[in-house]
Protein backbone atom coordinates (compact mmCIF):
# COMPACT_ATOMS: atom_id res chain seq x y z
CA MET A 1 -30.03 57.60 35.86
CA LEU A 2 -32.67 58.35 32.54
CA GLY A 3 -35.55 57.72 34.55
CA LYS A 4 -34.89 59.60 37.43
CA LYS A 5 -35.74 62.81 38.20
CA LEU A 6 -33.00 65.14 39.56
CA HIS A 7 -32.80 68.28 41.87
CA VAL A 8 -30.80 70.15 40.13
CA LYS A 9 -30.39 71.81 37.14
CA LYS A 10 -28.05 73.24 34.97
CA GLY A 11 -27.03 76.75 35.22
CA ASP A 12 -27.61 76.20 39.54
CA THR A 13 -25.34 77.05 42.28
CA VAL A 14 -24.81 73.93 44.46
CA MET A 15 -22.94 72.86 47.39
CA VAL A 16 -21.17 69.91 47.79
CA VAL A 17 -21.70 68.04 50.89
CA ALA A 18 -19.48 65.30 51.02
CA GLY A 19 -15.95 64.13 49.46
CA LYS A 20 -12.74 65.70 49.06
CA ASP A 21 -14.15 69.65 47.93
CA LYS A 22 -16.65 69.28 51.00
CA SER A 23 -18.69 72.84 51.80
CA LYS A 24 -17.23 74.10 48.42
CA THR A 25 -20.02 75.87 45.99
CA GLY A 26 -20.24 76.44 42.22
CA LYS A 27 -22.04 76.86 38.80
CA LEU A 28 -23.43 73.68 37.40
CA LEU A 29 -22.04 73.31 34.13
CA SER A 30 -23.54 69.91 33.21
CA VAL A 31 -25.36 66.58 34.08
CA VAL A 32 -23.63 63.48 33.21
CA ALA A 33 -26.59 60.87 32.68
CA LYS A 34 -24.66 57.71 32.13
CA LYS A 35 -22.10 58.40 35.46
CA ASP A 36 -25.31 59.75 37.79
CA GLY A 37 -22.74 62.75 38.09
CA VAL A 38 -22.44 66.41 37.20
CA LEU A 39 -19.68 68.79 36.57
CA VAL A 40 -19.87 71.85 39.27
CA GLU A 41 -17.05 74.34 38.06
CA GLY A 42 -14.26 74.59 40.04
CA ILE A 43 -15.02 71.48 41.77
CA ASN A 44 -13.44 67.76 41.88
CA VAL A 45 -10.42 69.36 39.15
CA VAL A 46 -8.57 66.45 37.56
CA LYS A 47 -5.31 66.83 35.38
CA ARG A 48 -5.53 65.20 32.41
CA HIS A 49 -2.06 64.35 29.82
CA THR A 50 -3.70 65.21 26.39
CA ARG A 51 -1.45 64.40 23.05
CA ALA A 52 -1.32 67.07 20.24
CA ARG A 53 -3.50 67.20 17.34
CA GLY A 54 -3.82 69.33 14.44
CA ASN A 55 -3.77 72.73 15.96
CA GLN A 56 -3.93 71.84 19.64
CA PRO A 57 -0.71 71.59 21.32
CA GLY A 58 -0.40 68.52 24.32
CA GLY A 59 0.41 68.78 27.73
CA ILE A 60 -1.10 68.37 31.10
CA VAL A 61 -4.64 69.95 31.18
CA GLU A 62 -6.46 70.68 34.46
CA LYS A 63 -10.79 69.78 33.90
CA GLU A 64 -13.41 69.23 36.00
CA ALA A 65 -14.28 65.40 36.46
CA PRO A 66 -18.20 64.50 37.73
CA VAL A 67 -19.01 64.83 41.45
CA HIS A 68 -22.37 61.80 42.18
CA ILE A 69 -25.13 63.60 41.90
CA SER A 70 -25.68 62.33 45.95
CA ASN A 71 -22.91 64.59 46.83
CA VAL A 72 -24.27 67.62 46.09
CA MET A 73 -27.26 70.13 47.01
CA LEU A 74 -28.62 73.55 45.72
CA TYR A 75 -27.18 76.54 47.17
CA CYS A 76 -29.87 78.75 48.64
CA GLY A 77 -28.25 82.76 48.74
CA LYS A 78 -30.61 83.79 51.04
CA CYS A 79 -29.83 81.48 53.87
CA LYS A 80 -26.28 80.91 52.78
CA LYS A 81 -26.09 77.12 52.80
CA ALA A 82 -27.18 73.56 51.09
CA VAL A 83 -30.98 73.17 51.27
CA ARG A 84 -33.69 70.50 50.24
CA THR A 85 -36.05 71.97 48.01
CA ALA A 86 -39.74 72.06 47.61
CA ILE A 87 -42.05 72.27 44.42
CA ASN A 88 -44.67 74.88 44.08
CA ILE A 89 -47.43 75.09 42.04
CA LEU A 90 -48.17 78.72 40.37
CA GLU A 91 -51.70 79.50 39.36
CA ASP A 92 -50.86 79.40 35.81
CA GLY A 93 -49.73 75.43 36.36
CA LYS A 94 -46.13 75.66 36.35
CA LYS A 95 -44.13 74.14 38.29
CA THR A 96 -41.44 75.98 40.61
CA ARG A 97 -38.66 74.80 43.29
CA ILE A 98 -38.13 76.72 46.45
CA CYS A 99 -36.28 76.75 49.62
CA LYS A 100 -37.91 74.52 52.10
CA LYS A 101 -36.27 76.88 55.01
CA CYS A 102 -36.82 81.05 53.91
CA GLY A 103 -38.73 80.38 50.80
CA GLU A 104 -37.19 81.26 47.66
CA SER A 105 -37.42 80.65 44.58
CA PHE A 106 -34.68 79.26 42.44
CA ASP A 107 -37.05 79.64 39.04
CA LYS A 108 -37.02 82.59 38.06
């Protein structure tokens, strides 16, 4: 995956389009390059049994597991749905991502 171009970035609001958490939205926490996945806040939450280490107590901890990158799409707040993006090049040469439906810019 290291050579592929991603359609989402850390901090984006994304919607899950397939799987058990379909149609849920959340903030993208990080990209897991080795597994072609992303961690989304509150999505695909699993329980992990942890052993006590030093000052940390053991027990059952809930944490997010990776969702495959193909199962998430960027969420447009204006359209209120998952959308595809286009690349728009500004006058100063910077590239921004825009919504293909309404033209809303995702990069500030």
